Amino acid sequence: MQPIARPLIVMHSDGVFRERVRRVGNARFKLQFVDDWDALRKALNESPPAALVVADPYTRAYGTETELAPELRSILWEFPTATVIAALEVRRGRVRDLRTLGEWGVKEVIALDEEDTVEAISRRLRSAQGRPLQSLLERSLPSNLSGRARALLMAAAEVVAEGGHGRDLASSLKLSERTLLRWAEQADLPPPRRVLAWMRVLLACELLDDPGQTVLSVAYTCGYASDSSLRRAVQEFTGVMLTQLRKQGAFATASEKFLVEIEDAREAGRIARKETKGADDGSDLPLSRIHPPHDDMSLAATLAGSPERPRRRGRRKANPV
């Protein structure tokens, strides 16, 4: 897989904040700064899907905030695969604005009055990267899935959105690769490499549901070397040709296939535990293992009597008077 160079487009007038985002973004993103909504729309048109946007959500007149920018709502409608983060001061009285931003489709909020360090901004950007796929997974996963299995899948979605691999998944959970494999087995999940491959396919299918995106741009965004690599992966995991997949709903179809594999893994885990428990109880052991029949015993063993039980040595009790 090729590494993902995910675009990060920043539209904000706060110079200090811009510099902090620059320090975070230069190492991990394809960074671009724009000055207004028209430039932001143009940058998104020229970017691959799944771009990350950090924007001031307010319109400003003569340096005074007036209202949430209607241009932001338009951009969220026009570019549904973009992940938009609003950067603003979270003051008292802005609860309604925060609720409105969530309804519009803003995925994260950076509170400028609290998250004013490079580390805090980095955490918020990292969290936002995997949020769209995580949200879709949350709605798809069965309610009786274990907490450990759910945590592993959410972490895998975040790692894939960042362009990571198996070692990165173990590192994000602060586990060794061997421990990660054991956790996946205990959670009745496929092996971590298989889970990550599925997450990559699901991310691609999420982007393919946007009719404005080409197969090639989605392939590059999701780390595939070419569009043919994406087509092969999609067909291998879903059993459906990519063209047909887009017609019938790419993410819905792929997530259904993924859930079937998850359920198969859970059923295999239940069967394995049942067999192990039966073996421990001795109920599934052959009769010869529990009590060897007389025919299977050797002649010497058959003719030999029971071994004489050694007498207990000790002080003989005195006769009662």
C-alpha atoms as a PDB file:
ATOM      1  CA  MET A   1       0.000   0.000   0.000  1.00  0.00           C
ATOM      2  CA  GLN A   2       1.107   3.534  -0.721  1.00  0.00           C
ATOM      3  CA  PRO A   3       1.127   6.100   2.117  1.00  0.00           C
ATOM      4  CA  ILE A   4      -1.781   8.513   2.190  1.00  0.00           C
ATOM      5  CA  ALA A   5      -0.891  12.175   1.692  1.00  0.00           C
ATOM      6  CA  ARG A   6      -4.124  13.557   3.085  1.00  0.00           C
ATOM      7  CA  PRO A   7      -4.799  17.220   2.290  1.00  0.00           C
ATOM      8  CA  LEU A   8      -5.210  19.631   5.193  1.00  0.00           C
ATOM      9  CA  ILE A   9      -6.762  22.940   4.130  1.00  0.00           C
ATOM     10  CA  VAL A  10      -6.797  25.755   6.673  1.00  0.00           C
ATOM     11  CA  MET A  11      -8.927  28.895   6.516  1.00  0.00           C
ATOM     12  CA  HIS A  12      -8.453  30.990   9.652  1.00  0.00           C
ATOM     13  CA  SER A  13      -7.379  34.557  10.367  1.00  0.00           C
ATOM     14  CA  ASP A  14      -5.670  33.868  13.730  1.00  0.00           C
ATOM     15  CA  GLY A  15      -1.951  33.977  12.941  1.00  0.00           C
ATOM     16  CA  VAL A  16      -0.846  32.198  16.118  1.00  0.00           C
ATOM     17  CA  PHE A  17      -3.305  29.386  15.515  1.00  0.00           C
ATOM     18  CA  ARG A  18      -2.239  29.088  11.875  1.00  0.00           C
ATOM     19  CA  GLU A  19       1.383  28.708  12.925  1.00  0.00           C
ATOM     20  CA  ARG A  20       0.510  25.949  15.398  1.00  0.00           C
ATOM     21  CA  VAL A  21      -1.464  24.095  12.741  1.00  0.00           C
ATOM     22  CA  ARG A  22       1.496  24.488  10.379  1.00  0.00           C
ATOM     23  CA  ARG A  23       3.790  22.824  12.916  1.00  0.00           C
ATOM     24  CA  VAL A  24       1.369  19.889  13.197  1.00  0.00           C
ATOM     25  CA  GLY A  25       0.491  19.610   9.535  1.00  0.00           C
ATOM     26  CA  ASN A  26       3.900  19.799   7.874  1.00  0.00           C
ATOM     27  CA  ALA A  27       4.869  16.367   9.185  1.00  0.00           C
ATOM     28  CA  ARG A  28       1.650  14.502   8.446  1.00  0.00           C
ATOM     29  CA  PHE A  29      -0.432  16.302   5.808  1.00  0.00           C
ATOM     30  CA  LYS A  30      -0.324  18.022   2.477  1.00  0.00           C
ATOM     31  CA  LEU A  31      -0.865  21.467   3.972  1.00  0.00           C
ATOM     32  CA  GLN A  32      -2.554  24.407   2.252  1.00  0.00           C
ATOM     33  CA  PHE A  33      -3.728  27.776   3.603  1.00  0.00           C
ATOM     34  CA  VAL A  34      -6.569  29.745   1.994  1.00  0.00           C
ATOM     35  CA  ASP A  35      -8.023  33.168   2.790  1.00  0.00           C
ATOM     36  CA  ASP A  36     -11.737  32.966   1.979  1.00  0.00           C
ATOM     37  CA  TRP A  37     -14.640  30.635   1.177  1.00  0.00           C
ATOM     38  CA  ASP A  38     -14.187  30.849  -2.596  1.00  0.00           C
ATOM     39  CA  ALA A  39     -10.549  29.808  -2.262  1.00  0.00           C
ATOM     40  CA  LEU A  40     -11.584  26.983   0.066  1.00  0.00           C
ATOM     41  CA  ARG A  41     -14.141  25.715  -2.439  1.00  0.00           C
ATOM     42  CA  LYS A  42     -11.551  25.835  -5.217  1.00  0.00           C
ATOM     43  CA  ALA A  43      -9.005  23.971  -3.085  1.00  0.00           C
ATOM     44  CA  LEU A  44     -11.552  21.240  -2.305  1.00  0.00           C
ATOM     45  CA  ASN A  45     -12.425  20.901  -5.982  1.00  0.00           C
ATOM     46  CA  GLU A  46      -8.762  20.270  -6.756  1.00  0.00           C
ATOM     47  CA  SER A  47      -8.139  17.940  -3.813  1.00  0.00           C
ATOM     48  CA  PRO A  48      -8.716  14.207  -3.574  1.00  0.00           C
ATOM     49  CA  PRO A  49     -11.639  13.049  -1.432  1.00  0.00           C
ATOM     50  CA  ALA A  50     -11.388  12.840   2.349  1.00  0.00           C
ATOM     51  CA  ALA A  51      -9.642  16.195   2.636  1.00  0.00           C
ATOM     52  CA  LEU A  52      -9.364  17.623   6.130  1.00  0.00           C
ATOM     53  CA  VAL A  53     -10.545  21.221   6.565  1.00  0.00           C
ATOM     54  CA  VAL A  54      -9.946  23.520   9.532  1.00  0.00           C
ATOM     55  CA  ALA A  55     -12.044  26.671   9.276  1.00  0.00           C
ATOM     56  CA  ASP A  56     -13.355  29.612  11.248  1.00  0.00           C
ATOM     57  CA  PRO A  57     -17.119  28.977  11.028  1.00  0.00           C
ATOM     58  CA  TYR A  58     -18.175  32.626  11.421  1.00  0.00           C
ATOM     59  CA  THR A  59     -18.660  35.429   8.961  1.00  0.00           C
ATOM     60  CA  ARG A  60     -17.070  38.673  10.110  1.00  0.00           C
ATOM     61  CA  ALA A  61     -17.961  42.275   9.395  1.00  0.00           C
ATOM     62  CA  TYR A  62     -15.550  45.018  10.446  1.00  0.00           C
ATOM     63  CA  GLY A  63     -13.889  42.594  12.852  1.00  0.00           C
ATOM     64  CA  THR A  64     -17.133  41.689  14.596  1.00  0.00           C
ATOM     65  CA  GLU A  65     -18.680  38.226  14.522  1.00  0.00           C
ATOM     66  CA  THR A  66     -22.156  38.221  13.068  1.00  0.00           C
ATOM     67  CA  GLU A  67     -23.381  34.650  12.476  1.00  0.00           C
ATOM     68  CA  LEU A  68     -22.378  31.197  11.380  1.00  0.00           C
ATOM     69  CA  ALA A  69     -21.286  31.418   7.770  1.00  0.00           C
ATOM     70  CA  PRO A  70     -23.850  30.041   5.303  1.00  0.00           C
ATOM     71  CA  GLU A  71     -20.886  29.357   2.990  1.00  0.00           C
ATOM     72  CA  LEU A  72     -19.748  26.674   5.451  1.00  0.00           C
ATOM     73  CA  ARG A  73     -23.079  24.903   5.204  1.00  0.00           C
ATOM     74  CA  SER A  74     -22.901  25.014   1.396  1.00  0.00           C
ATOM     75  CA  ILE A  75     -19.415  23.502   1.403  1.00  0.00           C
ATOM     76  CA  LEU A  76     -20.531  20.697   3.707  1.00  0.00           C
ATOM     77  CA  TRP A  77     -23.317  19.870   1.256  1.00  0.00           C
ATOM     78  CA  GLU A  78     -21.079  20.105  -1.810  1.00  0.00           C
ATOM     79  CA  PHE A  79     -18.212  18.024  -0.391  1.00  0.00           C
ATOM     80  CA  PRO A  80     -19.758  15.321   1.812  1.00  0.00           C
ATOM     81  CA  THR A  81     -16.528  13.294   2.027  1.00  0.00           C
ATOM     82  CA  ALA A  82     -14.504  16.216   3.397  1.00  0.00           C
ATOM     83  CA  THR A  83     -13.924  16.237   7.151  1.00  0.00           C
ATOM     84  CA  VAL A  84     -14.538  19.744   8.480  1.00  0.00           C
ATOM     85  CA  ILE A  85     -13.239  20.956  11.842  1.00  0.00           C
ATOM     86  CA  ALA A  86     -14.452  24.268  13.242  1.00  0.00           C
ATOM     87  CA  ALA A  87     -11.886  26.305  15.168  1.00  0.00           C
ATOM     88  CA  LEU A  88     -13.497  28.865  17.497  1.00  0.00           C
ATOM     89  CA  GLU A  89     -13.586  30.138  21.046  1.00  0.00           C
ATOM     90  CA  VAL A  90     -16.185  28.143  22.956  1.00  0.00           C
ATOM     91  CA  ARG A  91     -17.856  30.863  25.008  1.00  0.00           C
ATOM     92  CA  ARG A  92     -20.993  30.773  27.086  1.00  0.00           C
ATOM     93  CA  GLY A  93     -23.946  31.411  24.827  1.00  0.00           C
ATOM     94  CA  ARG A  94     -22.541  29.462  21.889  1.00  0.00           C
ATOM     95  CA  VAL A  95     -24.231  26.190  22.748  1.00  0.00           C
ATOM     96  CA  ARG A  96     -26.777  26.747  20.008  1.00  0.00           C
ATOM     97  CA  ASP A  97     -24.024  27.441  17.476  1.00  0.00           C
ATOM     98  CA  LEU A  98     -22.204  24.230  18.435  1.00  0.00           C
ATOM     99  CA  ARG A  99     -25.418  22.264  18.037  1.00  0.00           C
ATOM    100  CA  THR A 100     -26.023  23.846  14.628  1.00  0.00           C
ATOM    101  CA  LEU A 101     -22.489  22.998  13.475  1.00  0.00           C
ATOM    102  CA  GLY A 102     -23.084  19.378  14.437  1.00  0.00           C
ATOM    103  CA  GLU A 103     -26.353  19.327  12.507  1.00  0.00           C
ATOM    104  CA  TRP A 104     -24.610  20.756   9.444  1.00  0.00           C
ATOM    105  CA  GLY A 105     -22.019  17.983   9.515  1.00  0.00           C
ATOM    106  CA  VAL A 106     -18.970  19.499  11.245  1.00  0.00           C
ATOM    107  CA  LYS A 107     -17.039  16.541  12.706  1.00  0.00           C
ATOM    108  CA  GLU A 108     -14.909  18.206  15.387  1.00  0.00           C
ATOM    109  CA  VAL A 109     -14.449  21.509  17.204  1.00  0.00           C
ATOM    110  CA  ILE A 110     -11.100  22.979  18.291  1.00  0.00           C
ATOM    111  CA  ALA A 111     -11.695  25.227  21.294  1.00  0.00           C
ATOM    112  CA  LEU A 112      -9.184  28.024  20.758  1.00  0.00           C
ATOM    113  CA  ASP A 113      -9.465  29.181  24.372  1.00  0.00           C
ATOM    114  CA  GLU A 114      -8.571  25.713  25.733  1.00  0.00           C
ATOM    115  CA  GLU A 115      -6.788  23.655  23.057  1.00  0.00           C
ATOM    116  CA  ASP A 116      -4.073  26.215  22.465  1.00  0.00           C
ATOM    117  CA  THR A 117      -1.058  23.909  22.241  1.00  0.00           C
ATOM    118  CA  VAL A 118       0.467  22.027  19.337  1.00  0.00           C
ATOM    119  CA  GLU A 119      -0.147  18.721  21.145  1.00  0.00           C
ATOM    120  CA  ALA A 120      -3.842  19.463  21.724  1.00  0.00           C
ATOM    121  CA  ILE A 121      -4.377  20.496  18.098  1.00  0.00           C
ATOM    122  CA  SER A 122      -2.555  17.374  16.920  1.00  0.00           C
ATOM    123  CA  ARG A 123      -4.817  15.148  19.034  1.00  0.00           C
ATOM    124  CA  ARG A 124      -7.919  16.846  17.666  1.00  0.00           C
ATOM    125  CA  LEU A 125      -6.804  16.447  14.048  1.00  0.00           C
ATOM    126  CA  ARG A 126      -5.921  12.806  14.621  1.00  0.00           C
ATOM    127  CA  SER A 127      -9.311  12.162  16.191  1.00  0.00           C
ATOM    128  CA  ALA A 128     -11.119  13.850  13.311  1.00  0.00           C
ATOM    129  CA  GLN A 129      -9.375  11.778  10.642  1.00  0.00           C
ATOM    130  CA  GLY A 130     -11.086   8.524  11.509  1.00  0.00           C
ATOM    131  CA  ARG A 131     -14.374  10.009  12.682  1.00  0.00           C
ATOM    132  CA  PRO A 132     -16.459   9.599   9.463  1.00  0.00           C
ATOM    133  CA  LEU A 133     -15.648   5.896   9.085  1.00  0.00           C
ATOM    134  CA  GLN A 134     -16.022   5.331  12.832  1.00  0.00           C
ATOM    135  CA  SER A 135     -19.478   6.938  12.778  1.00  0.00           C
ATOM    136  CA  LEU A 136     -20.580   4.703   9.917  1.00  0.00           C
ATOM    137  CA  LEU A 137     -19.228   1.636  11.691  1.00  0.00           C
ATOM    138  CA  GLU A 138     -20.990   2.529  14.933  1.00  0.00           C
ATOM    139  CA  ARG A 139     -24.309   2.513  13.105  1.00  0.00           C
ATOM    140  CA  SER A 140     -23.531  -0.826  11.441  1.00  0.00           C
ATOM    141  CA  LEU A 141     -21.974  -2.947  14.198  1.00  0.00           C
ATOM    142  CA  PRO A 142     -24.223  -5.330  16.174  1.00  0.00           C
ATOM    143  CA  SER A 143     -25.223  -4.100  19.614  1.00  0.00           C
ATOM    144  CA  ASN A 144     -24.011  -7.294  21.323  1.00  0.00           C
ATOM    145  CA  LEU A 145     -20.442  -6.891  20.073  1.00  0.00           C
ATOM    146  CA  SER A 146     -17.977  -6.960  22.972  1.00  0.00           C
ATOM    147  CA  GLY A 147     -16.347  -3.776  24.187  1.00  0.00           C
ATOM    148  CA  ARG A 148     -12.886  -5.064  23.284  1.00  0.00           C
ATOM    149  CA  ALA A 149     -13.951  -5.947  19.731  1.00  0.00           C
ATOM    150  CA  ARG A 150     -15.582  -2.552  19.276  1.00  0.00           C
ATOM    151  CA  ALA A 151     -12.490  -0.735  20.576  1.00  0.00           C
ATOM    152  CA  LEU A 152     -10.214  -2.672  18.215  1.00  0.00           C
ATOM    153  CA  LEU A 153     -12.411  -1.895  15.207  1.00  0.00           C
ATOM    154  CA  MET A 154     -12.657   1.809  16.062  1.00  0.00           C
ATOM    155  CA  ALA A 155      -8.881   1.995  16.490  1.00  0.00           C
ATOM    156  CA  ALA A 156      -8.386   0.215  13.152  1.00  0.00           C
ATOM    157  CA  ALA A 157     -10.669   2.724  11.417  1.00  0.00           C
ATOM    158  CA  GLU A 158      -8.637   5.615  12.807  1.00  0.00           C
ATOM    159  CA  VAL A 159      -5.311   4.026  11.837  1.00  0.00           C
ATOM    160  CA  VAL A 160      -6.455   3.374   8.262  1.00  0.00           C
ATOM    161  CA  ALA A 161      -7.719   6.953   7.923  1.00  0.00           C
ATOM    162  CA  GLU A 162      -4.194   8.075   8.850  1.00  0.00           C
ATOM    163  CA  GLY A 163      -2.622   5.693   6.306  1.00  0.00           C
ATOM    164  CA  GLY A 164      -1.251   3.333   8.960  1.00  0.00           C
ATOM    165  CA  HIS A 165      -0.650  -0.422   9.023  1.00  0.00           C
ATOM    166  CA  GLY A 166      -0.526  -3.317  11.491  1.00  0.00           C
ATOM    167  CA  ARG A 167       2.370  -1.999  13.524  1.00  0.00           C
ATOM    168  CA  ASP A 168       0.646   1.385  13.791  1.00  0.00           C
ATOM    169  CA  LEU A 169      -2.512  -0.280  15.127  1.00  0.00           C
ATOM    170  CA  ALA A 170      -0.540  -2.039  17.847  1.00  0.00           C
ATOM    171  CA  SER A 171       1.255   1.197  18.684  1.00  0.00           C
ATOM    172  CA  SER A 172      -1.984   3.191  18.872  1.00  0.00           C
ATOM    173  CA  LEU A 173      -3.324   0.718  21.440  1.00  0.00           C
ATOM    174  CA  LYS A 174       0.051   0.584  23.253  1.00  0.00           C
ATOM    175  CA  LEU A 175       0.327  -3.155  22.636  1.00  0.00           C
ATOM    176  CA  SER A 176       2.912  -5.446  21.125  1.00  0.00           C
ATOM    177  CA  GLU A 177       1.950  -7.022  17.800  1.00  0.00           C
ATOM    178  CA  ARG A 178       1.756 -10.435  19.485  1.00  0.00           C
ATOM    179  CA  THR A 179      -0.567  -9.085  22.187  1.00  0.00           C
ATOM    180  CA  LEU A 180      -2.700  -7.382  19.543  1.00  0.00           C
ATOM    181  CA  LEU A 181      -3.085 -10.715  17.737  1.00  0.00           C
ATOM    182  CA  ARG A 182      -4.112 -12.395  20.979  1.00  0.00           C
ATOM    183  CA  TRP A 183      -6.618  -9.653  21.744  1.00  0.00           C
ATOM    184  CA  ALA A 184      -8.188 -10.051  18.300  1.00  0.00           C
ATOM    185  CA  GLU A 185      -8.523 -13.801  18.871  1.00  0.00           C
ATOM    186  CA  GLN A 186     -10.063 -13.290  22.314  1.00  0.00           C
ATOM    187  CA  ALA A 187     -12.505 -10.754  20.842  1.00  0.00           C
ATOM    188  CA  ASP A 188     -13.518 -13.228  18.096  1.00  0.00           C
ATOM    189  CA  LEU A 189     -12.268 -10.934  15.340  1.00  0.00           C
ATOM    190  CA  PRO A 190     -10.324 -11.774  12.188  1.00  0.00           C
ATOM    191  CA  PRO A 191      -6.545 -11.230  12.414  1.00  0.00           C
ATOM    192  CA  PRO A 192      -5.480  -7.562  12.677  1.00  0.00           C
ATOM    193  CA  ARG A 193      -4.093  -7.467   9.128  1.00  0.00           C
ATOM    194  CA  ARG A 194      -7.417  -8.696   7.798  1.00  0.00           C
ATOM    195  CA  VAL A 195      -9.313  -6.132   9.900  1.00  0.00           C
ATOM    196  CA  LEU A 196      -7.119  -3.309   8.574  1.00  0.00           C
ATOM    197  CA  ALA A 197      -7.593  -4.494   4.994  1.00  0.00           C
ATOM    198  CA  TRP A 198     -11.347  -4.458   5.563  1.00  0.00           C
ATOM    199  CA  MET A 199     -11.185  -0.946   7.032  1.00  0.00           C
ATOM    200  CA  ARG A 200      -9.327   0.235   3.932  1.00  0.00           C
ATOM    201  CA  VAL A 201     -12.002  -1.267   1.689  1.00  0.00           C
ATOM    202  CA  LEU A 202     -14.776   0.272   3.796  1.00  0.00           C
ATOM    203  CA  LEU A 203     -13.088   3.683   3.667  1.00  0.00           C
ATOM    204  CA  ALA A 204     -12.826   3.406  -0.105  1.00  0.00           C
ATOM    205  CA  CYS A 205     -16.483   2.393  -0.367  1.00  0.00           C
ATOM    206  CA  GLU A 206     -17.496   5.354   1.781  1.00  0.00           C
ATOM    207  CA  LEU A 207     -15.740   7.662  -0.686  1.00  0.00           C
ATOM    208  CA  LEU A 208     -17.065   5.797  -3.726  1.00  0.00           C
ATOM    209  CA  ASP A 209     -20.601   6.635  -2.645  1.00  0.00           C
ATOM    210  CA  ASP A 210     -19.823  10.229  -3.636  1.00  0.00           C
ATOM    211  CA  PRO A 211     -20.623  10.249  -7.382  1.00  0.00           C
ATOM    212  CA  GLY A 212     -18.284  13.200  -7.900  1.00  0.00           C
ATOM    213  CA  GLN A 213     -15.204  11.141  -7.034  1.00  0.00           C
ATOM    214  CA  THR A 214     -13.258   9.091  -9.558  1.00  0.00           C
ATOM    215  CA  VAL A 215     -12.058   5.568  -8.826  1.00  0.00           C
ATOM    216  CA  LEU A 216      -8.457   6.678  -9.283  1.00  0.00           C
ATOM    217  CA  SER A 217      -8.702   9.537  -6.770  1.00  0.00           C
ATOM    218  CA  VAL A 218     -10.333   7.238  -4.215  1.00  0.00           C
ATOM    219  CA  ALA A 219      -7.639   4.615  -4.788  1.00  0.00           C
ATOM    220  CA  TYR A 220      -4.826   7.093  -4.143  1.00  0.00           C
ATOM    221  CA  THR A 221      -6.585   8.543  -1.106  1.00  0.00           C
ATOM    222  CA  CYS A 222      -6.997   5.088   0.458  1.00  0.00           C
ATOM    223  CA  GLY A 223      -3.411   4.037  -0.184  1.00  0.00           C
ATOM    224  CA  TYR A 224      -3.856   1.763  -3.216  1.00  0.00           C
ATOM    225  CA  ALA A 225      -1.172   1.883  -5.888  1.00  0.00           C
ATOM    226  CA  SER A 226      -3.683   2.201  -8.735  1.00  0.00           C
ATOM    227  CA  ASP A 227      -7.368   2.030  -9.551  1.00  0.00           C
ATOM    228  CA  SER A 228      -6.935  -1.605 -10.644  1.00  0.00           C
ATOM    229  CA  SER A 229      -5.550  -2.442  -7.179  1.00  0.00           C
ATOM    230  CA  LEU A 230      -8.661  -0.933  -5.620  1.00  0.00           C
ATOM    231  CA  ARG A 231     -10.927  -2.829  -8.025  1.00  0.00           C
ATOM    232  CA  ARG A 232      -9.243  -6.140  -7.155  1.00  0.00           C
ATOM    233  CA  ALA A 233      -9.452  -5.493  -3.428  1.00  0.00           C
ATOM    234  CA  VAL A 234     -13.121  -4.522  -3.577  1.00  0.00           C
ATOM    235  CA  GLN A 235     -14.043  -7.591  -5.612  1.00  0.00           C
ATOM    236  CA  GLU A 236     -12.004  -9.899  -3.364  1.00  0.00           C
ATOM    237  CA  PHE A 237     -13.653  -8.647  -0.181  1.00  0.00           C
ATOM    238  CA  THR A 238     -17.217  -8.088  -1.387  1.00  0.00           C
ATOM    239  CA  GLY A 239     -17.537 -10.442  -4.350  1.00  0.00           C
ATOM    240  CA  VAL A 240     -19.040  -7.586  -6.393  1.00  0.00           C
ATOM    241  CA  MET A 241     -17.548  -5.695  -9.318  1.00  0.00           C
ATOM    242  CA  LEU A 242     -16.792  -2.079  -8.442  1.00  0.00           C
ATOM    243  CA  THR A 243     -19.123  -0.632 -11.083  1.00  0.00           C
ATOM    244  CA  GLN A 244     -22.053  -2.662  -9.768  1.00  0.00           C
ATOM    245  CA  LEU A 245     -21.043  -1.872  -6.203  1.00  0.00           C
ATOM    246  CA  ARG A 246     -21.426   1.870  -6.791  1.00  0.00           C
ATOM    247  CA  LYS A 247     -24.868   1.328  -8.306  1.00  0.00           C
ATOM    248  CA  GLN A 248     -26.224  -0.617  -5.345  1.00  0.00           C
ATOM    249  CA  GLY A 249     -24.537   1.443  -2.624  1.00  0.00           C
ATOM    250  CA  ALA A 250     -20.857   0.792  -2.027  1.00  0.00           C
ATOM    251  CA  PHE A 251     -20.613   1.230   1.739  1.00  0.00           C
ATOM    252  CA  ALA A 252     -23.921  -0.467   2.515  1.00  0.00           C
ATOM    253  CA  THR A 253     -22.948  -3.523   0.463  1.00  0.00           C
ATOM    254  CA  ALA A 254     -19.376  -3.728   1.765  1.00  0.00           C
ATOM    255  CA  SER A 255     -20.395  -3.243   5.414  1.00  0.00           C
ATOM    256  CA  GLU A 256     -22.959  -6.036   5.069  1.00  0.00           C
ATOM    257  CA  LYS A 257     -20.244  -8.398   3.800  1.00  0.00           C
ATOM    258  CA  PHE A 258     -17.934  -7.253   6.597  1.00  0.00           C
ATOM    259  CA  LEU A 259     -20.555  -7.978   9.241  1.00  0.00           C
ATOM    260  CA  VAL A 260     -21.054 -11.472   7.811  1.00  0.00           C
ATOM    261  CA  GLU A 261     -17.328 -12.144   8.223  1.00  0.00           C
ATOM    262  CA  ILE A 262     -17.425 -10.730  11.761  1.00  0.00           C
ATOM    263  CA  GLU A 263     -20.337 -12.998  12.656  1.00  0.00           C
ATOM    264  CA  ASP A 264     -18.558 -16.020  11.130  1.00  0.00           C
ATOM    265  CA  ALA A 265     -15.495 -15.242  13.266  1.00  0.00           C
ATOM    266  CA  ARG A 266     -17.651 -14.937  16.381  1.00  0.00           C
ATOM    267  CA  GLU A 267     -19.374 -18.254  15.663  1.00  0.00           C
ATOM    268  CA  ALA A 268     -16.014 -19.954  15.104  1.00  0.00           C
ATOM    269  CA  GLY A 269     -14.857 -18.566  18.450  1.00  0.00           C
ATOM    270  CA  ARG A 270     -17.961 -19.892  20.222  1.00  0.00           C
ATOM    271  CA  ILE A 271     -17.456 -23.349  18.711  1.00  0.00           C
ATOM    272  CA  ALA A 272     -13.775 -23.390  19.670  1.00  0.00           C
ATOM    273  CA  ARG A 273     -14.575 -22.446  23.269  1.00  0.00           C
ATOM    274  CA  LYS A 274     -17.280 -25.088  23.466  1.00  0.00           C
ATOM    275  CA  GLU A 275     -14.913 -27.770  22.207  1.00  0.00           C
ATOM    276  CA  THR A 276     -12.211 -26.644  24.630  1.00  0.00           C
ATOM    277  CA  LYS A 277     -14.648 -26.716  27.542  1.00  0.00           C
ATOM    278  CA  GLY A 278     -15.849 -30.172  26.525  1.00  0.00           C
ATOM    279  CA  ALA A 279     -12.282 -31.438  26.392  1.00  0.00           C
ATOM    280  CA  ASP A 280     -11.572 -29.980  29.837  1.00  0.00           C
ATOM    281  CA  ASP A 281     -14.693 -31.651  31.267  1.00  0.00           C
ATOM    282  CA  GLY A 282     -13.793 -34.983  29.665  1.00  0.00           C
ATOM    283  CA  SER A 283     -17.225 -35.242  28.076  1.00  0.00           C
ATOM    284  CA  ASP A 284     -15.859 -35.225  24.543  1.00  0.00           C
ATOM    285  CA  LEU A 285     -12.949 -37.558  25.228  1.00  0.00           C
ATOM    286  CA  PRO A 286     -13.117 -41.092  23.767  1.00  0.00           C
ATOM    287  CA  LEU A 287     -14.005 -43.886  26.159  1.00  0.00           C
ATOM    288  CA  SER A 288     -10.491 -45.308  25.982  1.00  0.00           C
ATOM    289  CA  ARG A 289      -9.146 -42.028  27.420  1.00  0.00           C
ATOM    290  CA  ILE A 290     -11.550 -42.046  30.354  1.00  0.00           C
ATOM    291  CA  HIS A 291     -11.545 -45.751  31.280  1.00  0.00           C
ATOM    292  CA  PRO A 292      -9.687 -48.115  28.922  1.00  0.00           C
ATOM    293  CA  PRO A 293     -11.822 -51.153  28.064  1.00  0.00           C
ATOM    294  CA  HIS A 294     -10.631 -54.614  29.070  1.00  0.00           C
ATOM    295  CA  ASP A 295      -9.833 -55.620  25.456  1.00  0.00           C
ATOM    296  CA  ASP A 296      -7.347 -52.807  25.082  1.00  0.00           C
ATOM    297  CA  MET A 297      -5.344 -53.807  28.142  1.00  0.00           C
ATOM    298  CA  SER A 298      -2.178 -55.835  27.772  1.00  0.00           C
ATOM    299  CA  LEU A 299      -2.123 -59.471  28.879  1.00  0.00           C
ATOM    300  CA  ALA A 300       0.216 -58.705  31.752  1.00  0.00           C
ATOM    301  CA  ALA A 301      -2.042 -55.921  32.951  1.00  0.00           C
ATOM    302  CA  THR A 302      -5.087 -58.180  32.646  1.00  0.00           C
ATOM    303  CA  LEU A 303      -3.585 -61.000  34.687  1.00  0.00           C
ATOM    304  CA  ALA A 304      -1.963 -58.795  37.273  1.00  0.00           C
ATOM    305  CA  GLY A 305      -3.936 -58.273  40.424  1.00  0.00           C
ATOM    306  CA  SER A 306      -4.581 -54.991  42.048  1.00  0.00           C
ATOM    307  CA  PRO A 307      -1.441 -53.532  43.548  1.00  0.00           C
ATOM    308  CA  GLU A 308      -1.198 -54.139  47.236  1.00  0.00           C
ATOM    309  CA  ARG A 309      -1.958 -51.042  49.212  1.00  0.00           C
ATOM    310  CA  PRO A 310       0.880 -50.267  51.633  1.00  0.00           C
ATOM    311  CA  ARG A 311      -0.011 -50.424  55.288  1.00  0.00           C
ATOM    312  CA  ARG A 312      -0.091 -47.220  57.205  1.00  0.00           C
ATOM    313  CA  ARG A 313       2.641 -46.980  59.764  1.00  0.00           C
ATOM    314  CA  GLY A 314       1.998 -45.120  62.938  1.00  0.00           C
ATOM    315  CA  ARG A 315       1.340 -45.439  66.586  1.00  0.00           C
ATOM    316  CA  ARG A 316      -1.287 -47.969  67.453  1.00  0.00           C
ATOM    317  CA  LYS A 317      -4.075 -46.584  69.474  1.00  0.00           C
ATOM    318  CA  ALA A 318      -4.252 -47.856  73.031  1.00  0.00           C
ATOM    319  CA  ASN A 319      -7.131 -50.190  73.864  1.00  0.00           C
ATOM    320  CA  PRO A 320      -9.900 -48.384  75.616  1.00  0.00           C
ATOM    321  CA  VAL A 321     -10.029 -49.090  79.323  1.00  0.00           C
END
